[in-house]
């Protein structure tokens, strides 16, 4: 499939091809390995596995690597990640002899945001937190998606009620600012934490050190914290909003919202 489309007819044809792909596959009985292999064969270098190096991303990467499935591996580097995350990325690169693509926010965008609202604007309101996430996460993600036709994500239903209600195993999303569609795959969407942990253990998949420190998920330092026993999995995200009307299950940075 030719990806560098220049006119409406070409975009329409490519979109129709992707719609056929989504319609013709029985995704519910397709294994994660089969989905990764299909993405690689169908899209080549226009398929990317994007990960924050949580278990789900590492499991899919290990699956692809062990099966000889060539996939681009990318991460959104907000410039505010935990030190442990930067160390883990280097460990993964050495372990598997590869280079992880790092997509960064534009300096001009950060400077403008900080100049208007201050460095710690996310403490002020939910709207400013979402603005910070848009600048540091969503915009770099959109730049990454301009280079792909297939985005492979580690999104899972068990992560939150919001994701259980909205996420699908395979779907079409729109590229920001254009009429072009691309495939979004969530191969492990129905996997439980226990299944992930078992795969990691049995296959000796490298594991991020923040898990041992009580983090069920991680992103920017300050905005992602450990959780206490009995707390919701999303309680550690933007913890200062826990006493407000914000539902913990609805805490999202916008990265996985439909474009």
C-alpha atoms as a PDB file:
ATOM      1  CA  UNK A   1       0.000   0.000   0.000  1.00  0.00           C
ATOM      2  CA  UNK A   2       1.409   3.385  -0.996  1.00  0.00           C
ATOM      3  CA  UNK A   3       1.471   5.581   2.098  1.00  0.00           C
ATOM      4  CA  UNK A   4       2.657   9.000   0.901  1.00  0.00           C
ATOM      5  CA  UNK A   5      -0.734   9.969  -0.480  1.00  0.00           C
ATOM      6  CA  UNK A   6      -1.085  13.467  -1.954  1.00  0.00           C
ATOM      7  CA  UNK A   7      -4.729  13.829  -2.947  1.00  0.00           C
ATOM      8  CA  UNK A   8      -8.212  13.070  -1.750  1.00  0.00           C
ATOM      9  CA  UNK A   9      -8.702  10.078  -4.071  1.00  0.00           C
ATOM     10  CA  UNK A  10      -5.520   8.412  -2.876  1.00  0.00           C
ATOM     11  CA  UNK A  11      -6.389   9.078   0.757  1.00  0.00           C
ATOM     12  CA  UNK A  12      -9.863   7.634   0.192  1.00  0.00           C
ATOM     13  CA  UNK A  13      -8.441   4.478  -1.397  1.00  0.00           C
ATOM     14  CA  UNK A  14      -5.961   3.970   1.429  1.00  0.00           C
ATOM     15  CA  UNK A  15      -8.660   4.554   4.032  1.00  0.00           C
ATOM     16  CA  UNK A  16     -10.904   2.007   2.303  1.00  0.00           C
ATOM     17  CA  UNK A  17      -8.075  -0.532   2.289  1.00  0.00           C
ATOM     18  CA  UNK A  18      -7.616  -0.088   6.033  1.00  0.00           C
ATOM     19  CA  UNK A  19     -11.352  -0.355   6.647  1.00  0.00           C
ATOM     20  CA  UNK A  20     -11.317  -3.652   4.762  1.00  0.00           C
ATOM     21  CA  UNK A  21      -8.461  -4.890   6.925  1.00  0.00           C
ATOM     22  CA  UNK A  22     -10.357  -4.097  10.100  1.00  0.00           C
ATOM     23  CA  UNK A  23     -13.582  -5.619   8.763  1.00  0.00           C
ATOM     24  CA  UNK A  24     -12.163  -8.815   7.245  1.00  0.00           C
ATOM     25  CA  UNK A  25     -10.111 -10.052  10.211  1.00  0.00           C
ATOM     26  CA  UNK A  26     -11.600 -11.899  13.169  1.00  0.00           C
ATOM     27  CA  UNK A  27      -9.519  -9.984  15.673  1.00  0.00           C
ATOM     28  CA  UNK A  28     -11.039 -11.681  18.695  1.00  0.00           C
ATOM     29  CA  UNK A  29      -9.377 -15.000  17.811  1.00  0.00           C
ATOM     30  CA  UNK A  30      -6.138 -13.469  16.500  1.00  0.00           C
ATOM     31  CA  UNK A  31      -3.220 -13.904  18.894  1.00  0.00           C
ATOM     32  CA  UNK A  32      -0.915 -11.015  19.805  1.00  0.00           C
ATOM     33  CA  UNK A  33       1.945 -12.653  17.886  1.00  0.00           C
ATOM     34  CA  UNK A  34      -0.264 -12.972  14.802  1.00  0.00           C
ATOM     35  CA  UNK A  35      -1.295  -9.327  15.077  1.00  0.00           C
ATOM     36  CA  UNK A  36       2.317  -8.177  15.345  1.00  0.00           C
ATOM     37  CA  UNK A  37       3.342 -10.350  12.395  1.00  0.00           C
ATOM     38  CA  UNK A  38       0.430  -9.067  10.302  1.00  0.00           C
ATOM     39  CA  UNK A  39       1.312  -5.434  11.081  1.00  0.00           C
ATOM     40  CA  UNK A  40       4.928  -5.976  10.075  1.00  0.00           C
ATOM     41  CA  UNK A  41       4.045  -7.746   6.827  1.00  0.00           C
ATOM     42  CA  UNK A  42       1.268  -5.347   5.877  1.00  0.00           C
ATOM     43  CA  UNK A  43       2.937  -2.047   6.767  1.00  0.00           C
ATOM     44  CA  UNK A  44       6.678  -2.698   7.063  1.00  0.00           C
ATOM     45  CA  UNK A  45       8.448   0.368   8.417  1.00  0.00           C
ATOM     46  CA  UNK A  46       5.100   2.170   8.526  1.00  0.00           C
ATOM     47  CA  UNK A  47       4.148   0.129  11.617  1.00  0.00           C
ATOM     48  CA  UNK A  48       5.403   1.189  15.051  1.00  0.00           C
ATOM     49  CA  UNK A  49       5.172  -0.330  18.512  1.00  0.00           C
ATOM     50  CA  UNK A  50       4.960   2.648  20.866  1.00  0.00           C
ATOM     51  CA  UNK A  51       5.652   1.957  24.522  1.00  0.00           C
ATOM     52  CA  UNK A  52       6.316   3.670  27.840  1.00  0.00           C
ATOM     53  CA  UNK A  53       8.158   0.457  28.828  1.00  0.00           C
ATOM     54  CA  UNK A  54       5.459  -0.900  31.054  1.00  0.00           C
ATOM     55  CA  UNK A  55       4.940  -4.665  31.034  1.00  0.00           C
ATOM     56  CA  UNK A  56       2.497  -4.708  28.124  1.00  0.00           C
ATOM     57  CA  UNK A  57       4.867  -2.888  25.783  1.00  0.00           C
ATOM     58  CA  UNK A  58       7.833  -4.991  26.827  1.00  0.00           C
ATOM     59  CA  UNK A  59       5.866  -8.226  26.408  1.00  0.00           C
ATOM     60  CA  UNK A  60       4.879  -7.310  22.842  1.00  0.00           C
ATOM     61  CA  UNK A  61       8.396  -6.233  22.023  1.00  0.00           C
ATOM     62  CA  UNK A  62       9.780  -9.502  23.401  1.00  0.00           C
ATOM     63  CA  UNK A  63       7.215 -11.454  21.378  1.00  0.00           C
ATOM     64  CA  UNK A  64       8.239  -9.667  18.188  1.00  0.00           C
ATOM     65  CA  UNK A  65      11.947 -10.012  18.885  1.00  0.00           C
ATOM     66  CA  UNK A  66      11.719 -13.720  19.750  1.00  0.00           C
ATOM     67  CA  UNK A  67       9.689 -14.438  16.586  1.00  0.00           C
ATOM     68  CA  UNK A  68      11.972 -12.386  14.342  1.00  0.00           C
ATOM     69  CA  UNK A  69       9.214  -9.864  13.587  1.00  0.00           C
ATOM     70  CA  UNK A  70      10.839  -6.551  12.577  1.00  0.00           C
ATOM     71  CA  UNK A  71       9.046  -3.608  14.159  1.00  0.00           C
ATOM     72  CA  UNK A  72       9.991  -0.038  14.923  1.00  0.00           C
ATOM     73  CA  UNK A  73      10.068   0.601  18.673  1.00  0.00           C
ATOM     74  CA  UNK A  74       9.261   4.135  19.805  1.00  0.00           C
ATOM     75  CA  UNK A  75       8.563   6.055  22.976  1.00  0.00           C
ATOM     76  CA  UNK A  76       7.295   9.535  23.795  1.00  0.00           C
ATOM     77  CA  UNK A  77      10.037  11.267  25.784  1.00  0.00           C
ATOM     78  CA  UNK A  78       8.307  14.140  27.565  1.00  0.00           C
ATOM     79  CA  UNK A  79      11.664  15.367  28.916  1.00  0.00           C
ATOM     80  CA  UNK A  80      10.191  14.763  32.396  1.00  0.00           C
ATOM     81  CA  UNK A  81      10.371  10.968  32.676  1.00  0.00           C
ATOM     82  CA  UNK A  82      11.667   9.214  35.784  1.00  0.00           C
ATOM     83  CA  UNK A  83      15.427   8.686  35.907  1.00  0.00           C
ATOM     84  CA  UNK A  84      14.705   4.966  36.166  1.00  0.00           C
ATOM     85  CA  UNK A  85      12.891   5.092  32.816  1.00  0.00           C
ATOM     86  CA  UNK A  86      15.854   6.627  31.012  1.00  0.00           C
ATOM     87  CA  UNK A  87      18.130   3.976  32.541  1.00  0.00           C
ATOM     88  CA  UNK A  88      15.714   1.213  31.551  1.00  0.00           C
ATOM     89  CA  UNK A  89      15.569   2.411  27.936  1.00  0.00           C
ATOM     90  CA  UNK A  90      19.368   2.193  27.763  1.00  0.00           C
ATOM     91  CA  UNK A  91      19.218  -1.296  29.281  1.00  0.00           C
ATOM     92  CA  UNK A  92      16.669  -2.459  26.702  1.00  0.00           C
ATOM     93  CA  UNK A  93      18.730  -1.021  23.838  1.00  0.00           C
ATOM     94  CA  UNK A  94      21.827  -2.887  25.012  1.00  0.00           C
ATOM     95  CA  UNK A  95      19.968  -6.127  25.792  1.00  0.00           C
ATOM     96  CA  UNK A  96      18.348  -6.331  22.352  1.00  0.00           C
ATOM     97  CA  UNK A  97      20.966  -4.443  20.307  1.00  0.00           C
ATOM     98  CA  UNK A  98      18.566  -1.835  18.943  1.00  0.00           C
ATOM     99  CA  UNK A  99      17.857   1.872  19.059  1.00  0.00           C
ATOM    100  CA  UNK A 100      14.555   3.100  20.476  1.00  0.00           C
ATOM    101  CA  UNK A 101      13.011   6.042  18.638  1.00  0.00           C
ATOM    102  CA  UNK A 102      12.458   8.928  21.048  1.00  0.00           C
ATOM    103  CA  UNK A 103       9.837  11.500  20.103  1.00  0.00           C
ATOM    104  CA  UNK A 104      10.173  14.770  22.011  1.00  0.00           C
ATOM    105  CA  UNK A 105       8.012  17.853  22.450  1.00  0.00           C
ATOM    106  CA  UNK A 106       9.222  20.940  20.596  1.00  0.00           C
ATOM    107  CA  UNK A 107      11.310  23.294  22.722  1.00  0.00           C
ATOM    108  CA  UNK A 108       9.321  26.260  21.416  1.00  0.00           C
ATOM    109  CA  UNK A 109       6.056  24.680  22.603  1.00  0.00           C
ATOM    110  CA  UNK A 110       7.445  24.001  26.080  1.00  0.00           C
ATOM    111  CA  UNK A 111       8.943  27.486  26.366  1.00  0.00           C
ATOM    112  CA  UNK A 112       5.649  29.103  25.378  1.00  0.00           C
ATOM    113  CA  UNK A 113       3.663  26.946  27.811  1.00  0.00           C
ATOM    114  CA  UNK A 114       6.020  27.517  30.752  1.00  0.00           C
ATOM    115  CA  UNK A 115       6.229  31.225  29.948  1.00  0.00           C
ATOM    116  CA  UNK A 116       2.433  31.550  30.153  1.00  0.00           C
ATOM    117  CA  UNK A 117       1.590  29.177  33.010  1.00  0.00           C
ATOM    118  CA  UNK A 118       4.792  28.250  34.850  1.00  0.00           C
ATOM    119  CA  UNK A 119       6.699  24.980  35.033  1.00  0.00           C
ATOM    120  CA  UNK A 120       4.273  23.258  37.404  1.00  0.00           C
ATOM    121  CA  UNK A 121       1.036  24.385  35.760  1.00  0.00           C
ATOM    122  CA  UNK A 122      -0.493  20.911  36.127  1.00  0.00           C
ATOM    123  CA  UNK A 123      -1.082  21.580  39.834  1.00  0.00           C
ATOM    124  CA  UNK A 124      -3.398  24.506  39.038  1.00  0.00           C
ATOM    125  CA  UNK A 125      -6.302  22.777  37.289  1.00  0.00           C
ATOM    126  CA  UNK A 126      -7.345  19.739  35.281  1.00  0.00           C
ATOM    127  CA  UNK A 127      -7.421  21.912  32.166  1.00  0.00           C
ATOM    128  CA  UNK A 128      -3.804  23.001  32.618  1.00  0.00           C
ATOM    129  CA  UNK A 129      -2.740  19.426  33.353  1.00  0.00           C
ATOM    130  CA  UNK A 130      -4.341  18.355  30.086  1.00  0.00           C
ATOM    131  CA  UNK A 131      -2.630  21.250  28.291  1.00  0.00           C
ATOM    132  CA  UNK A 132       0.748  20.120  29.641  1.00  0.00           C
ATOM    133  CA  UNK A 133       0.039  16.544  28.511  1.00  0.00           C
ATOM    134  CA  UNK A 134      -0.976  17.834  25.100  1.00  0.00           C
ATOM    135  CA  UNK A 135       2.312  19.700  24.678  1.00  0.00           C
ATOM    136  CA  UNK A 136       4.576  16.999  26.124  1.00  0.00           C
ATOM    137  CA  UNK A 137       2.769  13.840  24.971  1.00  0.00           C
ATOM    138  CA  UNK A 138       0.019  14.268  22.421  1.00  0.00           C
ATOM    139  CA  UNK A 139       1.762  16.597  19.993  1.00  0.00           C
ATOM    140  CA  UNK A 140       4.921  14.396  19.815  1.00  0.00           C
ATOM    141  CA  UNK A 141       2.639  11.393  19.374  1.00  0.00           C
ATOM    142  CA  UNK A 142       0.880  13.101  16.474  1.00  0.00           C
ATOM    143  CA  UNK A 143       4.265  13.791  14.866  1.00  0.00           C
ATOM    144  CA  UNK A 144       5.148  10.121  15.249  1.00  0.00           C
ATOM    145  CA  UNK A 145       1.850   9.021  13.728  1.00  0.00           C
ATOM    146  CA  UNK A 146       2.554  11.077  10.610  1.00  0.00           C
ATOM    147  CA  UNK A 147       5.241   8.470   9.823  1.00  0.00           C
ATOM    148  CA  UNK A 148       3.040   5.380  10.243  1.00  0.00           C
ATOM    149  CA  UNK A 149      -0.044   3.586   8.987  1.00  0.00           C
ATOM    150  CA  UNK A 150      -0.247   1.270  12.001  1.00  0.00           C
ATOM    151  CA  UNK A 151       0.171   2.224  15.660  1.00  0.00           C
ATOM    152  CA  UNK A 152       0.610  -0.692  18.084  1.00  0.00           C
ATOM    153  CA  UNK A 153      -0.230   0.173  21.686  1.00  0.00           C
ATOM    154  CA  UNK A 154      -0.132  -1.593  25.048  1.00  0.00           C
ATOM    155  CA  UNK A 155      -3.570  -0.356  26.072  1.00  0.00           C
ATOM    156  CA  UNK A 156      -5.532  -2.850  28.200  1.00  0.00           C
ATOM    157  CA  UNK A 157      -9.095  -2.997  29.500  1.00  0.00           C
ATOM    158  CA  UNK A 158      -7.965  -3.811  33.032  1.00  0.00           C
ATOM    159  CA  UNK A 159      -6.112  -0.505  33.323  1.00  0.00           C
ATOM    160  CA  UNK A 160      -9.276   1.538  33.878  1.00  0.00           C
ATOM    161  CA  UNK A 161     -13.033   1.529  33.443  1.00  0.00           C
ATOM    162  CA  UNK A 162     -12.687   4.269  30.817  1.00  0.00           C
ATOM    163  CA  UNK A 163     -10.422   2.087  28.696  1.00  0.00           C
ATOM    164  CA  UNK A 164     -12.670  -0.930  29.179  1.00  0.00           C
ATOM    165  CA  UNK A 165     -15.588   1.068  27.795  1.00  0.00           C
ATOM    166  CA  UNK A 166     -13.796   2.737  24.881  1.00  0.00           C
ATOM    167  CA  UNK A 167     -10.786   0.733  23.677  1.00  0.00           C
ATOM    168  CA  UNK A 168     -10.921  -2.005  21.023  1.00  0.00           C
ATOM    169  CA  UNK A 169      -8.472  -4.656  19.908  1.00  0.00           C
ATOM    170  CA  UNK A 170      -8.269  -3.117  16.435  1.00  0.00           C
ATOM    171  CA  UNK A 171      -9.746   0.121  15.208  1.00  0.00           C
ATOM    172  CA  UNK A 172      -9.253   3.000  12.785  1.00  0.00           C
ATOM    173  CA  UNK A 173      -8.299   6.431  14.035  1.00  0.00           C
ATOM    174  CA  UNK A 174      -7.785   9.685  12.174  1.00  0.00           C
ATOM    175  CA  UNK A 175      -4.508  11.478  11.707  1.00  0.00           C
ATOM    176  CA  UNK A 176      -4.639  14.893  13.369  1.00  0.00           C
ATOM    177  CA  UNK A 177      -5.464  17.646  10.898  1.00  0.00           C
ATOM    178  CA  UNK A 178      -6.014  15.403   7.860  1.00  0.00           C
ATOM    179  CA  UNK A 179      -8.559  12.962   6.428  1.00  0.00           C
ATOM    180  CA  UNK A 180      -6.056  10.098   6.528  1.00  0.00           C
ATOM    181  CA  UNK A 181      -6.869   7.051   8.655  1.00  0.00           C
ATOM    182  CA  UNK A 182      -4.500   4.641  10.346  1.00  0.00           C
ATOM    183  CA  UNK A 183      -4.870   1.343  12.156  1.00  0.00           C
ATOM    184  CA  UNK A 184      -4.505   1.227  15.906  1.00  0.00           C
ATOM    185  CA  UNK A 185      -3.859  -2.212  17.382  1.00  0.00           C
ATOM    186  CA  UNK A 186      -4.076  -3.132  21.074  1.00  0.00           C
ATOM    187  CA  UNK A 187      -2.960  -6.793  20.920  1.00  0.00           C
ATOM    188  CA  UNK A 188      -2.968  -7.328  24.709  1.00  0.00           C
ATOM    189  CA  UNK A 189      -6.186  -5.470  25.406  1.00  0.00           C
ATOM    190  CA  UNK A 190      -7.837  -8.458  27.147  1.00  0.00           C
ATOM    191  CA  UNK A 191      -4.759  -9.554  29.116  1.00  0.00           C
ATOM    192  CA  UNK A 192      -4.896  -9.352  32.910  1.00  0.00           C
ATOM    193  CA  UNK A 193      -2.086  -8.174  35.163  1.00  0.00           C
ATOM    194  CA  UNK A 194      -1.566 -11.772  36.258  1.00  0.00           C
ATOM    195  CA  UNK A 195      -1.204 -13.001  32.678  1.00  0.00           C
ATOM    196  CA  UNK A 196       1.314 -10.260  31.917  1.00  0.00           C
ATOM    197  CA  UNK A 197       3.324 -11.010  35.038  1.00  0.00           C
ATOM    198  CA  UNK A 198       3.357 -14.717  34.220  1.00  0.00           C
ATOM    199  CA  UNK A 199       4.615 -14.074  30.676  1.00  0.00           C
ATOM    200  CA  UNK A 200       7.322 -11.733  31.980  1.00  0.00           C
ATOM    201  CA  UNK A 201       8.442 -14.303  34.533  1.00  0.00           C
ATOM    202  CA  UNK A 202       8.358 -17.327  32.239  1.00  0.00           C
ATOM    203  CA  UNK A 203      10.116 -15.564  29.359  1.00  0.00           C
ATOM    204  CA  UNK A 204      12.592 -13.496  31.388  1.00  0.00           C
ATOM    205  CA  UNK A 205      11.352 -10.243  29.891  1.00  0.00           C
ATOM    206  CA  UNK A 206      13.201  -7.186  31.287  1.00  0.00           C
ATOM    207  CA  UNK A 207      11.045  -5.356  33.825  1.00  0.00           C
ATOM    208  CA  UNK A 208      11.054  -1.687  34.742  1.00  0.00           C
ATOM    209  CA  UNK A 209      12.386  -1.097  38.272  1.00  0.00           C
ATOM    210  CA  UNK A 210       9.518   1.261  39.178  1.00  0.00           C
ATOM    211  CA  UNK A 211       7.158  -1.708  39.520  1.00  0.00           C
ATOM    212  CA  UNK A 212       9.116  -2.838  42.581  1.00  0.00           C
ATOM    213  CA  UNK A 213       8.698   0.661  44.038  1.00  0.00           C
ATOM    214  CA  UNK A 214       4.888   0.458  43.935  1.00  0.00           C
ATOM    215  CA  UNK A 215       4.158   2.077  40.578  1.00  0.00           C
ATOM    216  CA  UNK A 216       1.379   0.294  38.622  1.00  0.00           C
ATOM    217  CA  UNK A 217       2.042   2.708  35.742  1.00  0.00           C
ATOM    218  CA  UNK A 218       4.494   5.489  35.067  1.00  0.00           C
ATOM    219  CA  UNK A 219       5.004   8.537  32.928  1.00  0.00           C
ATOM    220  CA  UNK A 220       6.366  11.915  34.005  1.00  0.00           C
ATOM    221  CA  UNK A 221       7.900  12.195  37.452  1.00  0.00           C
ATOM    222  CA  UNK A 222       5.715  14.255  39.784  1.00  0.00           C
ATOM    223  CA  UNK A 223       2.636  13.264  37.744  1.00  0.00           C
ATOM    224  CA  UNK A 224       3.066   9.515  38.346  1.00  0.00           C
ATOM    225  CA  UNK A 225       3.513   8.220  41.896  1.00  0.00           C
ATOM    226  CA  UNK A 226       3.329   4.860  43.702  1.00  0.00           C
ATOM    227  CA  UNK A 227      -0.009   3.654  45.040  1.00  0.00           C
ATOM    228  CA  UNK A 228      -0.854   2.407  48.507  1.00  0.00           C
ATOM    229  CA  UNK A 229      -2.455  -1.002  49.217  1.00  0.00           C
ATOM    230  CA  UNK A 230      -6.120  -0.938  48.275  1.00  0.00           C
ATOM    231  CA  UNK A 231      -5.904   2.149  46.078  1.00  0.00           C
ATOM    232  CA  UNK A 232      -7.176   2.234  42.521  1.00  0.00           C
ATOM    233  CA  UNK A 233      -4.526   1.633  39.857  1.00  0.00           C
ATOM    234  CA  UNK A 234      -4.923   5.178  38.549  1.00  0.00           C
ATOM    235  CA  UNK A 235      -4.728   6.779  41.999  1.00  0.00           C
ATOM    236  CA  UNK A 236      -1.041   7.478  41.540  1.00  0.00           C
ATOM    237  CA  UNK A 237      -1.627   9.531  38.400  1.00  0.00           C
ATOM    238  CA  UNK A 238      -2.022  13.248  39.146  1.00  0.00           C
ATOM    239  CA  UNK A 239      -2.571  12.340  42.791  1.00  0.00           C
ATOM    240  CA  UNK A 240      -3.537  15.889  43.795  1.00  0.00           C
ATOM    241  CA  UNK A 241      -6.825  15.466  41.896  1.00  0.00           C
ATOM    242  CA  UNK A 242      -7.891  12.483  44.036  1.00  0.00           C
ATOM    243  CA  UNK A 243      -9.781  14.715  46.468  1.00  0.00           C
ATOM    244  CA  UNK A 244     -11.717  16.430  43.683  1.00  0.00           C
ATOM    245  CA  UNK A 245     -14.619  15.212  41.578  1.00  0.00           C
ATOM    246  CA  UNK A 246     -12.221  13.678  39.054  1.00  0.00           C
ATOM    247  CA  UNK A 247     -12.969   9.963  38.720  1.00  0.00           C
ATOM    248  CA  UNK A 248      -9.764   7.948  39.062  1.00  0.00           C
ATOM    249  CA  UNK A 249     -10.883   5.674  36.238  1.00  0.00           C
ATOM    250  CA  UNK A 250     -11.252   8.668  33.921  1.00  0.00           C
ATOM    251  CA  UNK A 251      -7.741  10.026  34.471  1.00  0.00           C
ATOM    252  CA  UNK A 252      -6.258  10.265  30.989  1.00  0.00           C
ATOM    253  CA  UNK A 253      -3.491  12.331  29.434  1.00  0.00           C
ATOM    254  CA  UNK A 254      -5.147  12.389  26.001  1.00  0.00           C
ATOM    255  CA  UNK A 255      -2.615  10.074  24.415  1.00  0.00           C
ATOM    256  CA  UNK A 256      -5.245   7.448  23.649  1.00  0.00           C
ATOM    257  CA  UNK A 257      -8.211   9.662  22.922  1.00  0.00           C
ATOM    258  CA  UNK A 258      -9.665   9.267  19.440  1.00  0.00           C
ATOM    259  CA  UNK A 259      -8.123  11.916  17.230  1.00  0.00           C
END
